[in-house]
Amino acid sequence: MADGAMTATFLAVTGGASLLAVTARRLRPTDRLPSLEGWALADRSLGPVWTWMLLGGTIFTAYTFTAVPGLAYANGAPAFFAVPYTVIVCPLAFVLLTRLWAVARRHGYVTVADFVRGRYGSPPLALVVALTGILATMPYLALQLLGIRAVLTAGGVYTRGASGDLVMVALFTGLAVATYRHGLRAPTVISAFKAVAVFVSLTAVCWLVLARLGGPGAVFDHAAQRLGGTGAADSALLLSPEQQPAYATLALGSALALLMYPHVLTAGFAADGPRTLRKVSVALPAWTGLLALFGFLGIAALATGVRAPEGGAETAVPMLVDRLMPGPLAGLVFGAITVGALVPAAVMSIAAATCFVRNVYVEYVHPTATPKRQVRIAKAVSLTAKVGAVAFVFGLRDQDAINLQLLGGVWILQTFPAVALGLFTGRLHPRALLAGWAVGMAAGTFLVVREGFSSIVPFGNGDQPLEIYAGLAALLLNLTVAVAGTAALERFGVPRGADLTDLPSRLTARRRPETGASNP
């Protein structure tokens, strides 16, 4: 049973976040007509502080804050690949997001598929980029619910059956209403609450853990002993040489994939200029430090003897919090992690809806749809995405969502050549990019499914084959097909679509000045 004080604090935190979302209307200009850009991108008006909170709150999800420490609890050192992965994201965002924002603002693009459509003049290529984004986002959205359920279960708030399901539905109802009415402004406001709540609660938990266990060294020593060794140096808390290629390729591939997700790009497009995105990219490592501390808590859960249920390692940190902290503080932590799920869930539903409206509905169903109608359809699709995520979590096994999310990371990485390389060169032929995407999708899916839905796959013969990230292997094959296909199509004189972006066609071309940058 849940502790009364813990439940009261939890409800106060989550209820406060829901009420705060109502104030999002104050960020809305009253003299503008409805538009998809206004609803989905907050009129591209967010300054550095708001963008930092929204982008950080979108990238670092609640499931990340439970899955990473859960992986550390179960497997030790390999879990910390998430730390260098999120560090790599920062310079990539500094370069890619700023350049993509400038092009999108100049031409009125709302989604990354809009950019692909304009860059290559290829509706089919833009369509597969949009559909891949939607396909990869939906299981990611469902994982936010799994993160909430793991927290509620550890705190005794969630019980199997109708009562527990009603708690989950109630938490998402306020989010759904606020997002429907105010679009991206709702998660933007909640992201401020998330940043404060998560940073404060994590500081309290780490201080308590270190005070109880006698410092970081004692934590790692106790954890190492429970993993079967006599100290940290001879345990799973250090990477073995055989694990290093998988660790490195997983960190690199995950970083490249992250910036292709529609929800991350949506949060980036909402900034008021490239200057703001540069500032935010420099400040994002603060969130990475937060993630590293959550990974440390997974080691602490192991050190204190927390026994997570089989197949439920993501509950290790919530169980640690429930064991060590008094009810009110535990409620604060559980509430902070739950609020942490609301921000990315809202942005994911908005991003998926926007991709559908701009690149499927308007492109193929109703090309003359008015801005007001586009917003109305996007609101309906966003609500449907949330309902679908809830139904997915209730109707299928947790492992199904995790398996699909692993595949989603491999899938979204296959859009990298069309999007990221397209920012710097237009030499790749759209048909070759389409062929490369298809080969990468098929190869990545085959590799992951063949290994029992493991994203790490072996290559080579012998007792110790090289293990690398399946998504990166598929991306290399994708690029090979795209480059070879471009050479073949150029040789046969196959025409390409018109480029409407005014970007250079070669990497060596003179860089054009940015437009739309915020004032100093």
Protein backbone atom coordinates (compact mmCIF):
# COMPACT_ATOMS: atom_id res chain seq x y z
CA MET A 1 0.00 0.00 0.00
CA ALA A 2 1.13 3.53 -0.71
CA ASP A 3 2.18 5.81 2.13
CA GLY A 4 -0.38 8.59 2.65
CA ALA A 5 2.18 11.41 2.83
CA MET A 6 3.99 10.09 -0.24
CA THR A 7 0.74 9.88 -2.22
CA ALA A 8 -0.30 13.38 -1.18
CA THR A 9 3.05 14.85 -2.26
CA PHE A 10 2.97 12.91 -5.52
CA LEU A 11 -0.53 14.19 -6.33
CA ALA A 12 0.48 17.74 -5.42
CA VAL A 13 3.46 17.64 -7.78
CA THR A 14 1.63 16.09 -10.73
CA GLY A 15 -1.47 18.19 -10.13
CA GLY A 16 0.62 21.34 -9.97
CA ALA A 17 2.23 20.49 -13.29
CA SER A 18 -1.18 19.93 -14.89
CA LEU A 19 -2.50 23.23 -13.56
CA LEU A 20 0.63 24.99 -14.74
CA ALA A 21 -0.04 23.78 -18.27
CA VAL A 22 -3.23 25.85 -18.28
CA THR A 23 -1.10 29.01 -18.07
CA ALA A 24 0.39 28.17 -21.46
CA ARG A 25 -2.26 30.37 -23.02
CA ARG A 26 -0.39 33.37 -21.62
CA LEU A 27 2.45 32.61 -24.04
CA ARG A 28 0.10 32.75 -27.01
CA PRO A 29 -0.09 35.97 -29.04
CA THR A 30 -3.73 37.10 -29.24
CA ASP A 31 -3.45 38.89 -32.57
CA ARG A 32 -2.45 35.95 -34.78
CA LEU A 33 -4.59 33.67 -36.87
CA PRO A 34 -4.46 29.90 -36.20
CA SER A 35 -1.56 28.20 -37.97
CA LEU A 36 0.28 24.92 -37.73
CA GLU A 37 3.50 26.82 -37.09
CA GLY A 38 1.88 28.59 -34.13
CA TRP A 39 0.36 25.43 -32.62
CA ALA A 40 3.23 23.01 -33.26
CA LEU A 41 6.23 25.35 -32.96
CA ALA A 42 4.99 28.10 -30.62
CA ASP A 43 5.53 30.57 -33.50
CA ARG A 44 9.29 29.88 -33.34
CA SER A 45 9.44 32.31 -30.42
CA LEU A 46 11.24 30.51 -27.57
CA GLY A 47 14.33 32.18 -26.13
CA PRO A 48 17.43 30.45 -24.73
CA VAL A 49 16.04 29.58 -21.28
CA TRP A 50 12.73 28.20 -22.54
CA THR A 51 14.45 26.31 -25.36
CA TRP A 52 17.01 24.80 -22.97
CA MET A 53 14.26 23.53 -20.67
CA LEU A 54 12.07 22.27 -23.52
CA LEU A 55 14.85 20.61 -25.53
CA GLY A 56 16.44 19.08 -22.42
CA GLY A 57 13.08 17.96 -21.10
CA THR A 58 12.26 16.40 -24.49
CA ILE A 59 15.56 14.58 -24.99
CA PHE A 60 15.90 13.31 -21.42
CA THR A 61 12.67 11.39 -20.92
CA ALA A 62 11.22 9.76 -17.83
CA TYR A 63 11.91 6.32 -19.27
CA THR A 64 15.54 7.36 -19.76
CA PHE A 65 15.69 8.22 -16.07
CA THR A 66 14.42 4.76 -15.15
CA ALA A 67 15.85 2.61 -17.98
CA VAL A 68 19.47 3.81 -17.73
CA PRO A 69 19.75 3.14 -13.98
CA GLY A 70 17.85 -0.10 -14.51
CA LEU A 71 20.42 -1.16 -17.09
CA ALA A 72 23.22 -0.14 -14.71
CA TYR A 73 21.55 -2.18 -11.97
CA ALA A 74 21.31 -5.25 -14.20
CA ASN A 75 24.45 -5.02 -16.37
CA GLY A 76 26.85 -2.54 -14.82
CA ALA A 77 29.20 -0.45 -16.97
CA PRO A 78 27.56 -0.85 -20.42
CA ALA A 79 24.60 1.22 -19.21
CA PHE A 80 26.76 4.33 -19.12
CA PHE A 81 26.94 4.47 -22.92
CA ALA A 82 24.09 6.99 -22.52
CA VAL A 83 26.50 9.53 -21.02
CA PRO A 84 28.93 9.86 -23.98
CA TYR A 85 25.97 9.46 -26.33
CA THR A 86 24.29 12.57 -24.93
CA VAL A 87 27.63 14.40 -24.89
CA ILE A 88 28.09 13.68 -28.61
CA VAL A 89 24.61 15.08 -29.25
CA CYS A 90 25.66 18.57 -28.08
CA PRO A 91 28.18 19.43 -30.86
CA LEU A 92 25.93 17.73 -33.40
CA ALA A 93 23.04 19.93 -32.28
CA PHE A 94 25.33 22.98 -32.40
CA VAL A 95 26.00 22.33 -36.09
CA LEU A 96 22.94 20.54 -37.46
CA LEU A 97 20.07 22.13 -35.56
CA THR A 98 21.25 25.68 -36.15
CA ARG A 99 21.68 25.16 -39.89
CA LEU A 100 18.40 23.28 -40.22
CA TRP A 101 16.55 25.99 -38.26
CA ALA A 102 17.81 28.70 -40.62
CA VAL A 103 16.65 26.79 -43.71
CA ALA A 104 13.29 25.90 -42.14
CA ARG A 105 12.60 29.49 -41.08
CA ARG A 106 13.56 30.89 -44.47
CA HIS A 107 11.20 28.58 -46.35
CA GLY A 108 8.45 28.09 -43.75
CA TYR A 109 9.23 24.41 -43.15
CA VAL A 110 7.54 22.91 -40.09
CA THR A 111 8.87 19.34 -40.28
CA VAL A 112 12.14 17.81 -41.38
CA ALA A 113 10.28 16.04 -44.20
CA ASP A 114 9.36 19.52 -45.50
CA PHE A 115 13.10 20.20 -45.77
CA VAL A 116 13.69 16.91 -47.60
CA ARG A 117 10.83 17.73 -49.99
CA GLY A 118 12.34 21.11 -50.79
CA ARG A 119 15.95 19.96 -50.92
CA TYR A 120 15.50 17.06 -53.31
CA GLY A 121 12.17 17.84 -54.98
CA SER A 122 11.09 14.26 -54.21
CA PRO A 123 7.66 13.66 -52.63
CA PRO A 124 8.32 9.90 -52.14
CA LEU A 125 11.56 10.57 -50.23
CA ALA A 126 9.83 13.16 -48.06
CA LEU A 127 6.98 10.70 -47.42
CA VAL A 128 9.26 7.90 -46.21
CA VAL A 129 11.14 10.34 -43.95
CA ALA A 130 7.84 11.48 -42.41
CA LEU A 131 6.45 7.95 -42.01
CA THR A 132 9.71 6.67 -40.55
CA GLY A 133 9.59 9.48 -38.01
CA ILE A 134 6.02 8.66 -37.02
CA LEU A 135 6.76 4.93 -36.87
CA ALA A 136 9.81 5.47 -34.65
CA THR A 137 8.04 7.98 -32.39
CA MET A 138 4.96 5.97 -31.42
CA PRO A 139 6.73 3.24 -29.36
CA TYR A 140 8.87 5.99 -27.81
CA LEU A 141 5.64 7.67 -26.70
CA ALA A 142 4.39 4.40 -25.21
CA LEU A 143 7.63 4.05 -23.25
CA GLN A 144 6.85 7.27 -21.38
CA LEU A 145 3.78 5.55 -19.99
CA LEU A 146 5.88 2.54 -19.02
CA GLY A 147 8.22 4.86 -17.13
CA ILE A 148 5.27 6.35 -15.25
CA ARG A 149 3.88 2.92 -14.46
CA ALA A 150 7.25 1.72 -13.13
CA VAL A 151 7.35 4.69 -10.75
CA LEU A 152 3.74 4.32 -9.64
CA THR A 153 4.17 0.57 -9.09
CA ALA A 154 7.24 1.04 -6.90
CA GLY A 155 5.41 3.68 -4.85
CA GLY A 156 2.32 1.54 -4.43
CA VAL A 157 0.11 4.03 -6.27
CA TYR A 158 -0.45 1.81 -9.29
CA THR A 159 -2.23 -1.49 -8.82
CA ARG A 160 -3.03 -4.02 -11.48
CA GLY A 161 -6.59 -3.71 -12.68
CA ALA A 162 -9.08 -0.97 -13.47
CA SER A 163 -8.07 1.30 -10.59
CA GLY A 164 -4.43 1.43 -11.66
CA ASP A 165 -5.42 2.03 -15.28
CA LEU A 166 -7.62 4.93 -14.21
CA VAL A 167 -4.67 6.59 -12.47
CA MET A 168 -2.66 6.37 -15.70
CA VAL A 169 -5.55 7.74 -17.76
CA ALA A 170 -6.11 10.61 -15.31
CA LEU A 171 -2.45 11.64 -15.50
CA PHE A 172 -2.58 11.81 -19.29
CA THR A 173 -5.98 13.49 -19.51
CA GLY A 174 -4.77 16.86 -18.28
CA LEU A 175 -1.80 16.68 -20.61
CA ALA A 176 -4.00 15.77 -23.57
CA VAL A 177 -6.40 18.66 -22.95
CA ALA A 178 -3.63 21.23 -22.48
CA THR A 179 -1.74 20.03 -25.57
CA TYR A 180 -4.92 20.00 -27.65
CA ARG A 181 -5.67 23.61 -26.78
CA HIS A 182 -2.22 25.19 -26.59
CA GLY A 183 0.03 22.96 -28.67
CA LEU A 184 3.77 23.12 -27.92
CA ARG A 185 3.31 25.90 -25.39
CA ALA A 186 1.82 23.41 -22.89
CA PRO A 187 4.89 21.12 -22.64
CA THR A 188 7.10 24.22 -22.74
CA VAL A 189 5.54 25.51 -19.52
CA ILE A 190 5.63 22.06 -17.90
CA SER A 191 9.30 21.70 -18.87
CA ALA A 192 10.19 24.50 -16.45
CA PHE A 193 8.45 22.59 -13.65
CA LYS A 194 10.21 19.40 -14.74
CA ALA A 195 13.67 20.98 -14.69
CA VAL A 196 13.26 22.34 -11.17
CA ALA A 197 11.60 19.21 -9.77
CA VAL A 198 14.07 16.73 -11.28
CA PHE A 199 17.22 18.67 -10.39
CA VAL A 200 16.06 19.28 -6.80
CA SER A 201 14.80 15.75 -6.15
CA LEU A 202 17.88 14.09 -7.68
CA THR A 203 20.18 16.21 -5.55
CA ALA A 204 18.27 15.10 -2.45
CA VAL A 205 18.38 11.41 -3.39
CA CYS A 206 22.10 11.42 -4.21
CA TRP A 207 22.95 13.24 -0.98
CA LEU A 208 20.95 10.70 1.03
CA VAL A 209 22.51 7.73 -0.75
CA LEU A 210 26.05 9.00 -0.22
CA ALA A 211 25.31 9.78 3.43
CA ARG A 212 23.87 6.31 4.07
CA LEU A 213 26.52 4.30 2.20
CA GLY A 214 29.64 6.29 3.02
CA GLY A 215 30.62 7.95 -0.26
CA PRO A 216 31.00 6.98 -3.93
CA GLY A 217 33.83 4.52 -3.32
CA ALA A 218 31.79 2.53 -0.85
CA VAL A 219 28.83 2.47 -3.24
CA PHE A 220 30.88 1.00 -6.08
CA ASP A 221 32.67 -1.47 -3.80
CA HIS A 222 29.39 -2.81 -2.41
CA ALA A 223 27.92 -3.04 -5.90
CA ALA A 224 30.99 -4.86 -7.20
CA GLN A 225 30.73 -7.44 -4.43
CA ARG A 226 27.11 -8.08 -5.25
CA LEU A 227 28.08 -8.65 -8.88
CA GLY A 228 30.41 -11.42 -7.77
CA GLY A 229 33.78 -9.71 -7.50
CA THR A 230 35.91 -8.42 -4.66
CA GLY A 231 36.15 -4.85 -5.89
CA ALA A 232 35.19 -2.48 -8.69
CA ALA A 233 38.28 -3.31 -10.71
CA ASP A 234 37.32 -6.93 -11.30
CA SER A 235 33.59 -6.63 -11.76
CA ALA A 236 31.02 -5.75 -14.39
CA LEU A 237 31.39 -2.13 -13.28
CA LEU A 238 34.23 -1.76 -15.80
CA LEU A 239 34.05 -2.39 -19.53
CA SER A 240 35.93 -5.40 -20.82
CA PRO A 241 37.90 -4.99 -24.09
CA GLU A 242 35.28 -7.11 -25.87
CA GLN A 243 32.51 -4.69 -24.83
CA GLN A 244 34.24 -1.53 -26.00
CA PRO A 245 33.29 -1.67 -29.74
CA ALA A 246 29.62 -2.20 -28.85
CA TYR A 247 29.79 0.61 -26.28
CA ALA A 248 31.39 3.08 -28.72
CA THR A 249 29.20 2.29 -31.72
CA LEU A 250 26.04 2.33 -29.61
CA ALA A 251 26.95 5.77 -28.24
CA LEU A 252 27.76 7.17 -31.70
CA GLY A 253 24.78 5.60 -33.48
CA SER A 254 22.34 6.68 -30.77
CA ALA A 255 23.62 10.26 -30.94
CA LEU A 256 23.19 10.39 -34.72
CA ALA A 257 19.71 8.91 -34.44
CA LEU A 258 18.49 11.19 -31.67
CA LEU A 259 18.65 14.36 -33.75
CA MET A 260 16.56 12.72 -36.47
CA TYR A 261 13.56 12.10 -34.18
CA PRO A 262 10.65 14.44 -35.01
CA HIS A 263 10.09 15.43 -31.38
CA VAL A 264 13.68 16.63 -30.94
CA LEU A 265 13.55 18.59 -34.19
CA THR A 266 10.17 20.06 -33.23
CA ALA A 267 11.62 21.36 -29.96
CA GLY A 268 14.59 22.77 -31.88
CA PHE A 269 12.44 24.45 -34.54
CA ALA A 270 10.54 26.29 -31.77
CA ALA A 271 13.63 28.35 -30.88
CA ASP A 272 13.73 31.98 -31.97
CA GLY A 273 16.96 31.64 -33.91
CA PRO A 274 20.27 29.83 -34.51
CA ARG A 275 21.96 31.98 -31.88
CA THR A 276 19.58 30.59 -29.28
CA LEU A 277 20.23 27.01 -30.41
CA ARG A 278 23.98 27.51 -30.12
CA LYS A 279 23.62 28.74 -26.55
CA VAL A 280 21.35 25.82 -25.70
CA SER A 281 23.70 23.28 -27.26
CA VAL A 282 26.52 24.55 -25.07
CA ALA A 283 24.33 24.30 -21.95
CA LEU A 284 22.78 20.87 -22.65
CA PRO A 285 25.57 18.93 -20.84
CA ALA A 286 23.90 19.98 -17.57
CA TRP A 287 21.17 17.48 -18.44
CA THR A 288 23.85 14.89 -19.25
CA GLY A 289 25.24 15.29 -15.74
CA LEU A 290 21.74 14.61 -14.46
CA LEU A 291 21.59 11.40 -16.49
CA ALA A 292 24.97 10.26 -15.14
CA LEU A 293 23.68 10.70 -11.58
CA PHE A 294 20.62 8.60 -12.39
CA GLY A 295 22.96 5.89 -13.70
CA PHE A 296 24.87 6.14 -10.43
CA LEU A 297 21.62 5.54 -8.56
CA GLY A 298 21.27 2.24 -10.43
CA ILE A 299 24.64 1.21 -8.99
CA ALA A 300 23.48 2.44 -5.57
CA ALA A 301 20.34 0.31 -5.81
CA LEU A 302 22.56 -2.69 -6.45
CA ALA A 303 24.82 -1.76 -3.53
CA THR A 304 21.92 -1.44 -1.07
CA GLY A 305 20.49 -4.83 -2.00
CA VAL A 306 17.37 -3.69 -3.83
CA ARG A 307 15.70 -6.69 -5.46
CA ALA A 308 13.89 -5.61 -8.60
CA PRO A 309 11.44 -8.10 -10.10
CA GLU A 310 12.72 -10.28 -12.92
CA GLY A 311 12.43 -8.38 -16.17
CA GLY A 312 11.65 -5.15 -14.28
CA ALA A 313 15.08 -3.61 -13.66
CA GLU A 314 13.66 -0.17 -14.49
CA THR A 315 11.93 -0.20 -11.09
CA ALA A 316 15.29 -0.38 -9.24
CA VAL A 317 15.64 3.36 -8.62
CA PRO A 318 11.99 3.91 -7.63
CA MET A 319 12.38 1.00 -5.18
CA LEU A 320 15.60 2.55 -3.85
CA VAL A 321 13.83 5.87 -3.31
CA ASP A 322 10.91 4.14 -1.59
CA ARG A 323 13.33 2.32 0.72
CA LEU A 324 15.62 5.19 1.72
CA MET A 325 13.49 8.32 1.71
CA PRO A 326 10.62 9.46 3.94
CA GLY A 327 7.17 9.54 2.37
CA PRO A 328 6.99 13.24 1.40
CA LEU A 329 10.42 13.23 -0.25
CA ALA A 330 9.70 9.95 -2.04
CA GLY A 331 6.49 11.51 -3.35
CA LEU A 332 8.49 14.48 -4.62
CA VAL A 333 10.89 12.21 -6.52
CA PHE A 334 8.11 10.05 -7.97
CA GLY A 335 6.19 13.16 -8.99
CA ALA A 336 9.29 14.67 -10.63
CA ILE A 337 9.93 11.54 -12.72
CA THR A 338 6.25 11.37 -13.68
CA VAL A 339 6.23 15.02 -14.75
CA GLY A 340 9.41 14.15 -16.65
CA ALA A 341 7.32 11.84 -18.84
CA LEU A 342 4.66 14.42 -19.61
CA VAL A 343 6.95 16.82 -21.48
CA PRO A 344 8.39 14.36 -24.06
CA ALA A 345 5.04 12.59 -24.41
CA ALA A 346 3.35 15.86 -25.36
CA VAL A 347 6.10 16.90 -27.78
CA MET A 348 6.14 13.43 -29.38
CA SER A 349 2.40 13.50 -30.01
CA ILE A 350 2.66 17.01 -31.48
CA ALA A 351 5.58 16.04 -33.71
CA ALA A 352 3.86 12.90 -35.00
CA ALA A 353 0.67 14.84 -35.71
CA THR A 354 2.54 17.60 -37.52
CA CYS A 355 4.41 15.12 -39.72
CA PHE A 356 1.13 13.45 -40.64
CA VAL A 357 -0.66 16.70 -41.47
CA ARG A 358 2.13 18.37 -43.45
CA ASN A 359 3.58 15.40 -45.29
CA VAL A 360 0.67 12.99 -45.67
CA TYR A 361 -2.66 14.84 -45.31
CA VAL A 362 -1.75 18.06 -47.14
CA GLU A 363 0.56 16.39 -49.65
CA TYR A 364 -1.72 13.53 -50.68
CA VAL A 365 -5.22 14.01 -49.28
CA HIS A 366 -6.17 17.69 -49.13
CA PRO A 367 -3.56 19.96 -50.77
CA THR A 368 -5.76 23.06 -50.41
CA ALA A 369 -6.40 22.63 -46.68
CA THR A 370 -6.50 25.99 -44.91
CA PRO A 371 -4.15 26.70 -41.97
CA LYS A 372 -7.13 26.50 -39.61
CA ARG A 373 -8.09 23.07 -40.93
CA GLN A 374 -4.50 21.85 -40.69
CA VAL A 375 -4.42 22.83 -37.02
CA ARG A 376 -7.74 21.09 -36.39
CA ILE A 377 -6.53 17.86 -38.00
CA ALA A 378 -3.21 18.05 -36.14
CA LYS A 379 -5.02 18.42 -32.81
CA ALA A 380 -7.16 15.36 -33.56
CA VAL A 381 -4.15 13.27 -34.62
CA SER A 382 -2.20 14.36 -31.55
CA LEU A 383 -5.03 13.24 -29.30
CA THR A 384 -5.31 9.96 -31.20
CA ALA A 385 -1.57 9.33 -30.74
CA LYS A 386 -1.90 9.68 -26.96
CA VAL A 387 -4.93 7.40 -26.84
CA GLY A 388 -3.10 4.88 -29.01
CA ALA A 389 -0.09 4.92 -26.68
CA VAL A 390 -2.30 4.28 -23.66
CA ALA A 391 -4.07 1.42 -25.45
CA PHE A 392 -0.72 -0.01 -26.52
CA VAL A 393 0.60 -0.07 -22.97
CA PHE A 394 -2.57 -1.64 -21.57
CA GLY A 395 -3.05 -4.13 -24.38
CA LEU A 396 0.45 -5.47 -25.02
CA ARG A 397 3.44 -6.64 -23.02
CA ASP A 398 5.97 -4.08 -21.81
CA GLN A 399 8.66 -5.92 -23.75
CA ASP A 400 6.76 -5.31 -27.01
CA ALA A 401 7.08 -1.54 -26.57
CA ILE A 402 10.77 -1.88 -25.68
CA ASN A 403 11.44 -4.07 -28.73
CA LEU A 404 9.69 -1.62 -31.04
CA GLN A 405 11.59 1.30 -29.54
CA LEU A 406 14.89 -0.51 -30.18
CA LEU A 407 13.81 -0.97 -33.78
CA GLY A 408 12.68 2.65 -33.89
CA GLY A 409 16.21 3.83 -33.14
CA VAL A 410 17.57 1.72 -35.99
CA TRP A 411 14.82 2.95 -38.33
CA ILE A 412 15.13 6.67 -37.64
CA LEU A 413 18.90 6.49 -38.16
CA GLN A 414 18.25 5.55 -41.80
CA THR A 415 16.92 9.06 -42.46
CA PHE A 416 20.29 10.58 -41.52
CA PRO A 417 21.74 10.67 -45.07
CA ALA A 418 18.74 12.49 -46.53
CA VAL A 419 18.49 15.00 -43.68
CA ALA A 420 21.94 15.63 -42.20
CA LEU A 421 24.01 15.16 -45.34
CA GLY A 422 21.39 17.11 -47.26
CA LEU A 423 22.23 20.17 -45.19
CA PHE A 424 25.72 20.25 -46.70
CA THR A 425 25.50 18.63 -50.11
CA GLY A 426 22.81 18.07 -52.70
CA ARG A 427 24.90 15.70 -54.78
CA LEU A 428 23.14 12.54 -53.58
CA HIS A 429 20.33 11.55 -55.94
CA PRO A 430 16.89 11.28 -54.29
CA ARG A 431 16.22 7.89 -55.88
CA ALA A 432 19.56 6.60 -54.58
CA LEU A 433 18.72 7.95 -51.12
CA LEU A 434 15.37 6.19 -51.29
CA ALA A 435 17.08 2.93 -52.25
CA GLY A 436 19.63 3.36 -49.47
CA TRP A 437 16.84 4.01 -46.96
CA ALA A 438 15.02 0.83 -48.03
CA VAL A 439 18.17 -1.29 -47.80
CA GLY A 440 19.09 0.19 -44.41
CA MET A 441 15.60 -0.37 -43.01
CA ALA A 442 15.51 -3.99 -44.19
CA ALA A 443 19.05 -4.79 -43.05
CA GLY A 444 18.66 -3.09 -39.65
CA THR A 445 15.36 -4.82 -38.95
CA PHE A 446 16.77 -8.20 -39.97
CA LEU A 447 19.85 -7.82 -37.76
CA VAL A 448 17.87 -6.77 -34.68
CA VAL A 449 15.18 -9.43 -35.05
CA ARG A 450 17.74 -12.15 -35.79
CA GLU A 451 19.47 -11.44 -32.47
CA GLY A 452 16.23 -11.65 -30.50
CA PHE A 453 15.58 -7.88 -30.54
CA SER A 454 19.06 -6.97 -29.40
CA SER A 455 20.46 -3.78 -30.90
CA ILE A 456 24.02 -5.14 -30.52
CA VAL A 457 24.86 -7.67 -33.21
CA PRO A 458 28.00 -9.81 -33.79
CA PHE A 459 30.10 -9.62 -36.94
CA GLY A 460 32.85 -11.99 -37.92
CA ASN A 461 33.76 -15.57 -37.08
CA GLY A 462 35.53 -17.08 -34.12
CA ASP A 463 34.93 -17.30 -30.42
CA GLN A 464 34.83 -13.53 -29.95
CA PRO A 465 33.21 -11.82 -32.97
CA LEU A 466 33.15 -8.03 -33.17
CA GLU A 467 29.93 -6.68 -31.63
CA ILE A 468 28.59 -3.34 -32.89
CA TYR A 469 25.35 -1.36 -32.96
CA ALA A 470 22.98 -2.72 -35.63
CA GLY A 471 21.73 0.75 -36.56
CA LEU A 472 25.23 1.97 -37.41
CA ALA A 473 25.92 -1.12 -39.51
CA ALA A 474 22.66 -0.55 -41.40
CA LEU A 475 23.54 3.14 -41.85
CA LEU A 476 26.90 2.25 -43.43
CA LEU A 477 25.10 -0.05 -45.87
CA ASN A 478 22.54 2.71 -46.50
CA LEU A 479 25.28 5.22 -47.34
CA THR A 480 27.06 2.75 -49.61
CA VAL A 481 23.91 2.17 -51.65
CA ALA A 482 23.15 5.91 -51.78
CA VAL A 483 26.64 6.85 -53.03
CA ALA A 484 26.87 3.98 -55.52
CA GLY A 485 23.31 4.58 -56.70
CA THR A 486 24.00 8.28 -57.22
CA ALA A 487 27.04 7.50 -59.37
CA ALA A 488 25.03 5.04 -61.47
CA LEU A 489 22.05 7.35 -61.93
CA GLU A 490 24.28 10.27 -62.89
CA ARG A 491 26.06 8.10 -65.42
CA PHE A 492 22.75 7.23 -67.06
CA GLY A 493 21.55 10.83 -66.91
CA VAL A 494 18.50 10.24 -64.70
CA PRO A 495 17.12 13.68 -63.76
CA ARG A 496 16.59 14.77 -60.17
CA GLY A 497 13.98 17.09 -58.68
CA ALA A 498 14.43 20.84 -58.31
CA ASP A 499 16.23 22.10 -55.20
CA LEU A 500 14.22 24.90 -53.57
CA THR A 501 16.37 25.44 -50.47
CA ASP A 502 19.17 27.65 -51.89
CA LEU A 503 21.72 25.48 -50.07
CA PRO A 504 25.07 24.70 -51.74
CA SER A 505 25.18 21.59 -53.86
CA ARG A 506 28.74 20.71 -52.81
CA LEU A 507 30.50 20.59 -49.48
CA THR A 508 33.13 22.97 -50.86
CA ALA A 509 30.62 25.60 -51.93
CA ARG A 510 30.72 29.00 -50.26
CA ARG A 511 28.58 29.05 -47.13
CA ARG A 512 25.62 31.40 -47.34
CA PRO A 513 24.90 33.81 -44.51
CA GLU A 514 22.26 32.78 -42.01
CA THR A 515 18.88 34.42 -42.02
CA GLY A 516 16.33 34.56 -39.27
CA ALA A 517 18.91 34.64 -36.47
CA SER A 518 17.81 36.23 -33.24
CA ASN A 519 19.17 39.65 -32.39
CA PRO A 520 22.28 39.80 -30.18
